[in-house]
């Protein structure tokens, strides 16, 4: 998985979802940021994302790791026939069983399900996923052209190699 913000830092900053908790809540007061990660395998069609919940008040700490799939349950059931209940969890969002979780992970998952996850967000992550895959394909095509001596100009007219170094 690769972070969306590593490819689109400005867009990610504008469109990131956050929850804010004040003093007296079950979570320490502060901002909790839901960072998006997508599969970088262009041959894969998993249509799911991984979210890490972090806070600027505690850099380096992951508060929750969440799996989420934006398609209908039927899409995931076809891909996971060995575990039909997994599709339900993925569509609702679920804690990732193999990645880091804090003592607040369940609360942040509930916050994701109740406040972050709405139709606007579903459409946004679908768009982010498309942009992410298009950018990876563009870079892969540029890398293939570079290795064969072809022209690797970007759609903006710049050199793809320069663009990648600037990211």
Protein backbone atom coordinates (compact mmCIF):
# COMPACT_ATOMS: atom_id res chain seq x y z
CA UNK A 1 0.00 0.00 0.00
CA UNK A 2 1.18 3.49 -0.83
CA UNK A 3 -0.10 6.70 0.67
CA UNK A 4 -2.29 8.93 -1.45
CA UNK A 5 -0.47 11.98 -0.07
CA UNK A 6 2.87 10.70 -1.42
CA UNK A 7 1.52 11.14 -4.97
CA UNK A 8 -0.89 14.04 -4.46
CA UNK A 9 0.25 16.03 -1.41
CA UNK A 10 -1.76 19.20 -2.12
CA UNK A 11 -4.98 17.37 -2.95
CA UNK A 12 -4.57 15.08 0.05
CA UNK A 13 -4.14 18.08 2.35
CA UNK A 14 -7.31 19.71 0.98
CA UNK A 15 -9.45 16.58 1.04
CA UNK A 16 -8.30 14.65 4.09
CA UNK A 17 -10.94 13.73 6.67
CA UNK A 18 -10.28 14.55 10.31
CA UNK A 19 -12.14 14.25 13.60
CA UNK A 20 -11.65 16.71 16.43
CA UNK A 21 -12.19 15.75 20.05
CA UNK A 22 -12.36 18.21 22.90
CA UNK A 23 -11.43 17.84 26.56
CA UNK A 24 -13.48 15.30 28.46
CA UNK A 25 -14.04 12.94 25.54
CA UNK A 26 -13.04 9.28 25.60
CA UNK A 27 -10.05 10.16 23.40
CA UNK A 28 -7.28 12.61 24.26
CA UNK A 29 -8.28 16.07 23.04
CA UNK A 30 -6.99 16.89 19.58
CA UNK A 31 -7.22 16.25 15.88
CA UNK A 32 -7.23 12.74 14.40
CA UNK A 33 -6.37 12.46 10.70
CA UNK A 34 -7.51 9.56 8.50
CA UNK A 35 -4.66 9.02 5.99
CA UNK A 36 -5.48 7.08 2.82
CA UNK A 37 -3.36 4.28 1.38
CA UNK A 38 -4.08 2.38 -1.83
CA UNK A 39 -2.75 -0.75 -3.50
CA UNK A 40 0.05 0.06 -5.93
CA UNK A 41 -0.29 -3.18 -7.93
CA UNK A 42 -1.82 -2.09 -11.25
CA UNK A 43 -2.79 -5.71 -11.99
CA UNK A 44 -4.85 -5.82 -8.77
CA UNK A 45 -8.49 -4.75 -8.70
CA UNK A 46 -9.13 -5.00 -4.95
CA UNK A 47 -10.91 -1.61 -4.74
CA UNK A 48 -10.16 -1.14 -1.11
CA UNK A 49 -8.10 1.20 0.97
CA UNK A 50 -6.16 1.17 4.16
CA UNK A 51 -6.41 4.10 6.55
CA UNK A 52 -4.01 5.05 9.29
CA UNK A 53 -5.36 7.36 11.96
CA UNK A 54 -2.69 9.69 13.29
CA UNK A 55 -2.58 12.85 15.37
CA UNK A 56 -0.27 15.85 14.96
CA UNK A 57 0.08 15.97 18.75
CA UNK A 58 1.82 12.57 18.77
CA UNK A 59 3.96 12.26 15.60
CA UNK A 60 4.91 8.71 14.68
CA UNK A 61 2.06 7.09 16.59
CA UNK A 62 -0.65 5.20 14.74
CA UNK A 63 -3.91 5.32 16.68
CA UNK A 64 -5.89 3.00 14.39
CA UNK A 65 -5.46 0.99 11.19
CA UNK A 66 -8.66 0.55 9.23
CA UNK A 67 -9.58 -1.42 6.11
CA UNK A 68 -12.37 -0.04 3.95
CA UNK A 69 -13.93 -1.01 0.63
CA UNK A 70 -16.23 1.45 -1.16
CA UNK A 71 -17.94 -0.96 -3.55
CA UNK A 72 -21.09 -2.98 -2.79
CA UNK A 73 -20.77 -6.05 -0.60
CA UNK A 74 -21.44 -8.31 -3.60
CA UNK A 75 -18.21 -7.09 -5.23
CA UNK A 76 -16.13 -8.26 -2.26
CA UNK A 77 -18.11 -11.46 -1.66
CA UNK A 78 -17.16 -12.62 -5.17
CA UNK A 79 -13.49 -12.02 -4.34
CA UNK A 80 -13.64 -13.56 -0.87
CA UNK A 81 -15.96 -16.60 -1.17
CA UNK A 82 -14.07 -18.32 1.65
CA UNK A 83 -15.26 -15.65 4.15
CA UNK A 84 -18.63 -14.09 3.24
CA UNK A 85 -18.71 -12.00 6.44
CA UNK A 86 -15.46 -10.27 5.47
CA UNK A 87 -17.30 -8.33 2.75
CA UNK A 88 -19.71 -6.84 5.31
CA UNK A 89 -16.85 -5.70 7.54
CA UNK A 90 -14.90 -4.22 4.65
CA UNK A 91 -17.83 -2.13 3.40
CA UNK A 92 -18.55 -0.81 6.90
CA UNK A 93 -14.87 -0.32 7.70
CA UNK A 94 -13.04 -2.59 10.11
CA UNK A 95 -9.87 -2.60 12.17
CA UNK A 96 -7.00 -4.23 10.31
CA UNK A 97 -6.06 -7.38 12.26
CA UNK A 98 -2.36 -7.32 11.41
CA UNK A 99 -1.47 -3.64 11.74
CA UNK A 100 -0.92 -1.31 14.62
CA UNK A 101 -3.86 -0.40 16.87
CA UNK A 102 -3.98 1.75 19.98
CA UNK A 103 -6.28 1.53 22.96
CA UNK A 104 -8.43 4.11 21.11
CA UNK A 105 -8.74 2.14 17.84
CA UNK A 106 -12.33 0.97 18.43
CA UNK A 107 -13.46 4.55 19.15
CA UNK A 108 -11.72 5.86 16.02
CA UNK A 109 -13.32 3.10 13.95
CA UNK A 110 -16.72 4.09 15.35
CA UNK A 111 -15.92 7.73 14.51
CA UNK A 112 -15.02 6.66 10.97
CA UNK A 113 -18.28 4.75 10.58
CA UNK A 114 -20.49 7.48 12.08
CA UNK A 115 -18.85 10.75 11.00
CA UNK A 116 -16.27 10.21 8.25
CA UNK A 117 -18.00 7.61 6.12
CA UNK A 118 -20.75 9.29 4.11
CA UNK A 119 -21.69 9.34 0.43
CA UNK A 120 -19.46 12.35 -0.29
CA UNK A 121 -16.50 10.48 1.21
CA UNK A 122 -17.31 7.27 -0.70
CA UNK A 123 -17.29 9.22 -3.96
CA UNK A 124 -14.09 11.02 -2.95
CA UNK A 125 -12.14 7.83 -2.22
CA UNK A 126 -13.40 6.30 -5.45
CA UNK A 127 -12.02 9.37 -7.28
CA UNK A 128 -8.79 9.27 -5.26
CA UNK A 129 -8.34 5.60 -6.15
CA UNK A 130 -8.82 6.37 -9.87
CA UNK A 131 -6.34 9.29 -9.72
CA UNK A 132 -3.88 7.13 -7.79
CA UNK A 133 -3.98 4.30 -10.35
CA UNK A 134 -3.77 6.71 -13.29
CA UNK A 135 -0.69 8.36 -11.80
CA UNK A 136 0.99 5.00 -11.15
CA UNK A 137 0.24 3.94 -14.74
CA UNK A 138 1.61 7.23 -16.05
CA UNK A 139 4.80 6.78 -14.06
CA UNK A 140 5.16 3.16 -15.13
CA UNK A 141 4.74 4.19 -18.76
CA UNK A 142 7.32 6.96 -18.30
CA UNK A 143 9.76 4.54 -16.70
CA UNK A 144 9.31 2.08 -19.57
CA UNK A 145 9.90 4.85 -22.11
CA UNK A 146 12.96 6.08 -20.22
CA UNK A 147 14.49 2.60 -20.26
CA UNK A 148 13.97 2.33 -24.03
CA UNK A 149 15.18 5.83 -24.77
CA UNK A 150 11.73 7.19 -25.64
CA UNK A 151 10.30 10.59 -24.83
CA UNK A 152 8.91 10.71 -21.29
CA UNK A 153 7.14 14.05 -21.37
CA UNK A 154 4.30 14.54 -18.88
CA UNK A 155 0.87 15.83 -19.95
CA UNK A 156 1.93 19.26 -18.66
CA UNK A 157 4.90 19.23 -21.02
CA UNK A 158 7.58 18.72 -18.38
CA UNK A 159 10.00 15.84 -18.04
CA UNK A 160 8.59 12.90 -16.06
CA UNK A 161 11.93 12.33 -14.35
CA UNK A 162 11.97 15.90 -13.07
CA UNK A 163 8.37 15.60 -11.85
CA UNK A 164 9.15 12.46 -9.86
CA UNK A 165 12.17 14.09 -8.18
CA UNK A 166 10.05 17.08 -7.22
CA UNK A 167 7.45 14.96 -5.37
